[in-house]
């Protein structure tokens, strides 16, 4: 066995890590879609900010999943951080608008 080949423990660790992260990502995607569906059933319209926010969150995780499991490229991570920052700015603005409306009503 050469010194460059990974040990069995390293390979098992990589497989377990990939299974854990992949499972966690799939669970987050499912929960985001379930929450969007609950908002749809409650308000009976898809024109709710929260519905589109959760769908965009699920889409962001779908974009990131191949990077975590296959390519491990830093550019995907940077793109995801940019999307995350944009989503945070938009959600802060939306919450600020709701608070202002509630305060004046």
C-alpha atoms as a PDB file:
ATOM      1  CA  UNK A   1       0.000   0.000   0.000  1.00  0.00           C
ATOM      2  CA  UNK A   2       1.526   3.314  -1.046  1.00  0.00           C
ATOM      3  CA  UNK A   3       1.602   6.359   1.179  1.00  0.00           C
ATOM      4  CA  UNK A   4      -0.593   8.381  -1.206  1.00  0.00           C
ATOM      5  CA  UNK A   5      -3.627   6.093  -1.014  1.00  0.00           C
ATOM      6  CA  UNK A   6      -6.177   6.928   1.682  1.00  0.00           C
ATOM      7  CA  UNK A   7      -6.811   4.487   4.488  1.00  0.00           C
ATOM      8  CA  UNK A   8     -10.048   2.578   4.951  1.00  0.00           C
ATOM      9  CA  UNK A   9     -10.973   4.776   7.923  1.00  0.00           C
ATOM     10  CA  UNK A  10     -10.594   7.912   5.813  1.00  0.00           C
ATOM     11  CA  UNK A  11     -12.796   6.493   3.061  1.00  0.00           C
ATOM     12  CA  UNK A  12     -15.478   5.430   5.554  1.00  0.00           C
ATOM     13  CA  UNK A  13     -15.337   8.888   7.150  1.00  0.00           C
ATOM     14  CA  UNK A  14     -15.793  10.574   3.775  1.00  0.00           C
ATOM     15  CA  UNK A  15     -18.744   8.315   2.895  1.00  0.00           C
ATOM     16  CA  UNK A  16     -20.433   8.891   6.275  1.00  0.00           C
ATOM     17  CA  UNK A  17     -19.891  12.649   5.996  1.00  0.00           C
ATOM     18  CA  UNK A  18     -21.398  12.697   2.513  1.00  0.00           C
ATOM     19  CA  UNK A  19     -24.396  10.632   3.630  1.00  0.00           C
ATOM     20  CA  UNK A  20     -24.995  12.882   6.644  1.00  0.00           C
ATOM     21  CA  UNK A  21     -24.714  16.144   4.696  1.00  0.00           C
ATOM     22  CA  UNK A  22     -26.752  14.792   1.775  1.00  0.00           C
ATOM     23  CA  UNK A  23     -29.483  13.557   4.097  1.00  0.00           C
ATOM     24  CA  UNK A  24     -29.546  16.849   5.967  1.00  0.00           C
ATOM     25  CA  UNK A  25     -29.840  18.802   2.695  1.00  0.00           C
ATOM     26  CA  UNK A  26     -32.655  16.586   1.420  1.00  0.00           C
ATOM     27  CA  UNK A  27     -34.479  16.991   4.745  1.00  0.00           C
ATOM     28  CA  UNK A  28     -34.143  20.803   4.538  1.00  0.00           C
ATOM     29  CA  UNK A  29     -35.490  20.779   0.973  1.00  0.00           C
ATOM     30  CA  UNK A  30     -38.482  18.650   2.002  1.00  0.00           C
ATOM     31  CA  UNK A  31     -39.232  20.830   5.050  1.00  0.00           C
ATOM     32  CA  UNK A  32     -39.005  24.031   2.994  1.00  0.00           C
ATOM     33  CA  UNK A  33     -41.482  22.639   0.466  1.00  0.00           C
ATOM     34  CA  UNK A  34     -43.813  21.439   3.240  1.00  0.00           C
ATOM     35  CA  UNK A  35     -43.795  24.863   4.883  1.00  0.00           C
ATOM     36  CA  UNK A  36     -44.524  26.549   1.547  1.00  0.00           C
ATOM     37  CA  UNK A  37     -47.441  24.201   1.009  1.00  0.00           C
ATOM     38  CA  UNK A  38     -48.784  25.001   4.493  1.00  0.00           C
ATOM     39  CA  UNK A  39     -48.656  28.721   3.708  1.00  0.00           C
ATOM     40  CA  UNK A  40     -50.486  28.031   0.446  1.00  0.00           C
ATOM     41  CA  UNK A  41     -53.218  26.052   2.222  1.00  0.00           C
ATOM     42  CA  UNK A  42     -53.585  28.738   4.897  1.00  0.00           C
ATOM     43  CA  UNK A  43     -53.787  31.776   2.608  1.00  0.00           C
ATOM     44  CA  UNK A  44     -55.135  30.004  -0.522  1.00  0.00           C
ATOM     45  CA  UNK A  45     -52.784  31.918  -2.833  1.00  0.00           C
ATOM     46  CA  UNK A  46     -49.207  31.603  -4.038  1.00  0.00           C
ATOM     47  CA  UNK A  47     -48.728  35.362  -3.871  1.00  0.00           C
ATOM     48  CA  UNK A  48     -47.180  35.217  -0.416  1.00  0.00           C
ATOM     49  CA  UNK A  49     -43.625  36.330   0.227  1.00  0.00           C
ATOM     50  CA  UNK A  50     -42.959  33.380   2.530  1.00  0.00           C
ATOM     51  CA  UNK A  51     -43.912  30.796  -0.104  1.00  0.00           C
ATOM     52  CA  UNK A  52     -41.434  32.148  -2.638  1.00  0.00           C
ATOM     53  CA  UNK A  53     -38.783  32.638   0.058  1.00  0.00           C
ATOM     54  CA  UNK A  54     -38.960  28.985   1.087  1.00  0.00           C
ATOM     55  CA  UNK A  55     -38.915  27.819  -2.536  1.00  0.00           C
ATOM     56  CA  UNK A  56     -35.838  29.954  -3.175  1.00  0.00           C
ATOM     57  CA  UNK A  57     -34.229  28.513  -0.039  1.00  0.00           C
ATOM     58  CA  UNK A  58     -34.890  24.975  -1.287  1.00  0.00           C
ATOM     59  CA  UNK A  59     -33.507  25.895  -4.715  1.00  0.00           C
ATOM     60  CA  UNK A  60     -30.386  27.326  -3.082  1.00  0.00           C
ATOM     61  CA  UNK A  61     -29.797  24.043  -1.259  1.00  0.00           C
ATOM     62  CA  UNK A  62     -30.344  22.082  -4.490  1.00  0.00           C
ATOM     63  CA  UNK A  63     -27.690  24.239  -6.164  1.00  0.00           C
ATOM     64  CA  UNK A  64     -25.249  23.635  -3.314  1.00  0.00           C
ATOM     65  CA  UNK A  65     -25.804  19.883  -2.952  1.00  0.00           C
ATOM     66  CA  UNK A  66     -23.681  18.736  -5.948  1.00  0.00           C
ATOM     67  CA  UNK A  67     -20.843  20.937  -4.749  1.00  0.00           C
ATOM     68  CA  UNK A  68     -20.812  19.353  -1.311  1.00  0.00           C
ATOM     69  CA  UNK A  69     -21.037  15.783  -2.548  1.00  0.00           C
ATOM     70  CA  UNK A  70     -19.183  15.763  -5.881  1.00  0.00           C
ATOM     71  CA  UNK A  71     -17.144  18.729  -7.079  1.00  0.00           C
ATOM     72  CA  UNK A  72     -16.103  20.558  -3.878  1.00  0.00           C
ATOM     73  CA  UNK A  73     -15.497  23.812  -5.740  1.00  0.00           C
ATOM     74  CA  UNK A  74     -15.190  27.081  -3.828  1.00  0.00           C
ATOM     75  CA  UNK A  75     -16.984  29.044  -6.576  1.00  0.00           C
ATOM     76  CA  UNK A  76     -20.243  27.232  -5.802  1.00  0.00           C
ATOM     77  CA  UNK A  77     -19.878  28.146  -2.154  1.00  0.00           C
ATOM     78  CA  UNK A  78     -19.208  31.790  -2.985  1.00  0.00           C
ATOM     79  CA  UNK A  79     -22.278  31.891  -5.238  1.00  0.00           C
ATOM     80  CA  UNK A  80     -24.361  30.382  -2.461  1.00  0.00           C
ATOM     81  CA  UNK A  81     -23.072  32.934   0.052  1.00  0.00           C
ATOM     82  CA  UNK A  82     -24.011  35.729  -2.358  1.00  0.00           C
ATOM     83  CA  UNK A  83     -27.518  34.254  -2.786  1.00  0.00           C
ATOM     84  CA  UNK A  84     -27.809  33.876   0.975  1.00  0.00           C
ATOM     85  CA  UNK A  85     -26.829  37.516   1.526  1.00  0.00           C
ATOM     86  CA  UNK A  86     -29.326  38.668  -1.099  1.00  0.00           C
ATOM     87  CA  UNK A  87     -32.086  36.612   0.498  1.00  0.00           C
ATOM     88  CA  UNK A  88     -31.226  38.029   3.915  1.00  0.00           C
ATOM     89  CA  UNK A  89     -31.399  41.607   2.614  1.00  0.00           C
ATOM     90  CA  UNK A  90     -34.767  40.968   0.934  1.00  0.00           C
ATOM     91  CA  UNK A  91     -36.229  39.253   4.015  1.00  0.00           C
ATOM     92  CA  UNK A  92     -35.022  42.073   6.273  1.00  0.00           C
ATOM     93  CA  UNK A  93     -36.688  44.618   4.000  1.00  0.00           C
ATOM     94  CA  UNK A  94     -39.908  42.588   3.942  1.00  0.00           C
ATOM     95  CA  UNK A  95     -39.992  42.239   7.725  1.00  0.00           C
ATOM     96  CA  UNK A  96     -39.205  45.948   8.140  1.00  0.00           C
ATOM     97  CA  UNK A  97     -42.114  46.821   5.818  1.00  0.00           C
ATOM     98  CA  UNK A  98     -44.495  44.575   7.765  1.00  0.00           C
ATOM     99  CA  UNK A  99     -43.424  46.117  11.074  1.00  0.00           C
ATOM    100  CA  UNK A 100     -43.914  49.648   9.720  1.00  0.00           C
ATOM    101  CA  UNK A 101     -47.404  48.762   8.435  1.00  0.00           C
ATOM    102  CA  UNK A 102     -48.320  47.132  11.736  1.00  0.00           C
ATOM    103  CA  UNK A 103     -47.001  50.089  13.689  1.00  0.00           C
ATOM    104  CA  UNK A 104     -49.038  52.636  11.720  1.00  0.00           C
ATOM    105  CA  UNK A 105     -52.199  50.536  11.706  1.00  0.00           C
END
